[in-house]
Protein backbone atom coordinates (compact mmCIF):
# COMPACT_ATOMS: atom_id res chain seq x y z
CA MET A 1 35.35 26.06 19.58
CA THR A 2 34.17 23.07 17.63
CA THR A 3 36.21 19.91 17.89
CA ARG A 4 36.56 16.98 15.58
CA ARG A 5 34.27 14.99 17.86
CA ASP A 6 31.59 17.42 17.84
CA PHE A 7 31.79 17.70 14.08
CA PHE A 8 31.53 13.89 13.84
CA ILE A 9 28.47 13.84 16.09
CA MET A 10 26.72 16.71 14.16
CA SER A 11 27.53 14.90 10.80
CA ALA A 12 26.05 11.54 12.09
CA LEU A 13 22.87 13.31 13.39
CA ALA A 14 22.36 15.09 10.12
CA PHE A 15 22.92 11.90 8.10
CA ALA A 16 20.42 10.04 10.44
CA ALA A 17 17.80 12.73 9.87
CA SER A 18 17.97 12.73 6.10
CA PRO A 19 15.64 10.62 3.94
CA ALA A 20 16.81 7.21 2.86
CA LEU A 21 19.28 7.22 -0.01
CA ALA A 22 18.17 3.82 -1.61
CA GLN A 23 15.29 3.50 -3.99
CA PHE A 24 13.37 0.19 -4.15
CA THR A 25 13.29 -1.18 -7.74
CA GLY A 26 11.23 -4.30 -7.33
CA PRO A 27 7.50 -4.82 -8.03
CA SER A 28 4.92 -2.68 -6.28
CA GLU A 29 1.54 -3.51 -4.86
CA GLN A 30 -0.94 -1.59 -7.03
CA GLY A 31 -3.86 -3.64 -6.71
CA ALA A 32 -4.67 -6.74 -8.60
CA GLN A 33 -5.00 -6.52 -12.51
CA SER A 34 -8.80 -6.45 -12.91
CA SER A 35 -11.62 -5.98 -15.49
CA VAL A 36 -14.39 -3.65 -15.33
CA GLN A 37 -16.67 -6.59 -14.58
CA ASP A 38 -14.49 -7.17 -11.34
CA ALA A 39 -14.90 -3.47 -10.44
CA LEU A 40 -18.75 -3.73 -10.85
CA ASP A 41 -18.68 -6.69 -8.52
CA ALA A 42 -16.19 -5.43 -6.06
CA ARG A 43 -16.86 -3.91 -2.60
CA ILE A 44 -16.90 -0.17 -2.22
CA GLY A 45 -13.45 1.13 -1.32
CA ALA A 46 -11.61 -1.69 -3.10
CA TYR A 47 -8.43 -0.78 -4.86
CA MET A 48 -7.62 -2.34 -8.40
CA THR A 49 -5.70 -1.82 -11.48
CA LEU A 50 -7.46 -1.72 -14.90
CA GLU A 51 -6.20 -1.50 -18.44
CA GLY A 52 -8.40 -0.04 -21.37
CA TYR A 53 -9.48 2.94 -23.06
CA ILE A 54 -11.02 6.25 -21.97
CA THR A 55 -13.74 6.70 -24.59
CA HIS A 56 -15.90 9.67 -23.82
CA HIS A 57 -15.86 12.76 -21.66
CA LEU A 58 -19.21 12.91 -19.72
CA ARG A 59 -18.89 16.09 -17.76
CA GLU A 60 -16.38 17.88 -15.41
CA ASP A 61 -14.05 15.19 -14.26
CA TYR A 62 -16.16 12.29 -15.41
CA TYR A 63 -15.36 9.97 -18.25
CA ARG A 64 -16.54 6.72 -19.83
CA PHE A 65 -13.81 3.80 -19.54
CA THR A 66 -13.89 0.45 -21.36
CA ASP A 67 -11.71 -2.74 -21.10
CA GLY A 68 -13.01 -3.99 -24.39
CA MET A 69 -15.75 -6.02 -22.57
CA ASN A 70 -17.71 -3.62 -20.35
CA GLU A 71 -17.89 0.08 -19.55
CA ILE A 72 -17.91 2.06 -16.39
CA ARG A 73 -17.84 5.69 -15.34
CA VAL A 74 -14.54 7.00 -13.89
CA GLU A 75 -13.58 10.15 -12.15
CA ILE A 76 -10.24 11.48 -13.31
CA PRO A 77 -9.14 14.85 -11.68
CA GLN A 78 -7.09 17.16 -13.80
CA THR A 79 -4.10 16.75 -11.67
CA VAL A 80 -3.98 12.94 -12.60
CA PHE A 81 -4.03 13.84 -16.39
CA ALA A 82 -1.17 16.06 -15.63
CA GLY A 83 -1.44 17.93 -19.00
CA ARG A 84 -0.91 14.87 -21.11
CA PRO A 85 -3.30 14.56 -24.18
CA ILE A 86 -5.11 11.26 -24.11
CA GLY A 87 -7.55 10.16 -26.81
CA PRO A 88 -9.91 7.23 -27.22
CA ASN A 89 -7.33 5.24 -29.11
CA ASP A 90 -4.66 5.47 -26.19
CA ARG A 91 -4.43 2.33 -24.06
CA VAL A 92 -4.12 3.44 -20.44
CA ARG A 93 -3.68 1.74 -17.09
CA LEU A 94 -5.68 3.14 -14.23
CA ARG A 95 -5.15 2.62 -10.40
CA VAL A 96 -8.59 3.16 -8.94
CA GLU A 97 -10.69 3.01 -5.84
CA VAL A 98 -14.23 1.70 -6.25
CA ASP A 99 -16.90 4.19 -5.10
CA ARG A 100 -20.62 4.73 -5.29
CA GLY A 101 -22.46 8.13 -5.97
CA LEU A 102 -25.91 9.25 -6.49
CA ILE A 103 -26.23 7.73 -9.98
CA GLY A 104 -24.48 4.51 -9.34
CA ARG A 105 -21.04 2.87 -9.06
CA TYR A 106 -17.85 4.67 -10.56
CA LEU A 107 -14.14 4.45 -10.03
CA TRP A 108 -12.01 7.23 -8.55
CA VAL A 109 -8.71 7.27 -10.54
CA GLU A 110 -5.62 7.87 -8.33
CA ALA A 111 -3.00 7.29 -11.16
CA LEU A 112 -3.09 7.08 -14.87
CA GLU A 113 -0.29 5.66 -17.05
CA ILE A 114 -0.24 5.66 -20.85
CA LEU A 115 0.82 2.30 -22.13
């Protein structure tokens, strides 16, 4: 037979095990706003945020990105595009990690936002 006390204890345990109900609404740390030149000079593994344009599809998941001053190769998985059509005239914000491959430095895109 369940008593009120048992019900209260079970309710308290269920509430404590549930995820937090609040959502943070302040600014987030996404990496400093950077330029392509900063990415070319950054250490491998650095995280940064860039704004600019995806200008060309190179092959598979690789594209050419420019901030208006310099260009760099970026790898954007199809899951990051999320089915959104993006053209060379659409300004985007990329959250990236600087990486190096066989043919040089590139940016691995973790998130893409259309501005």
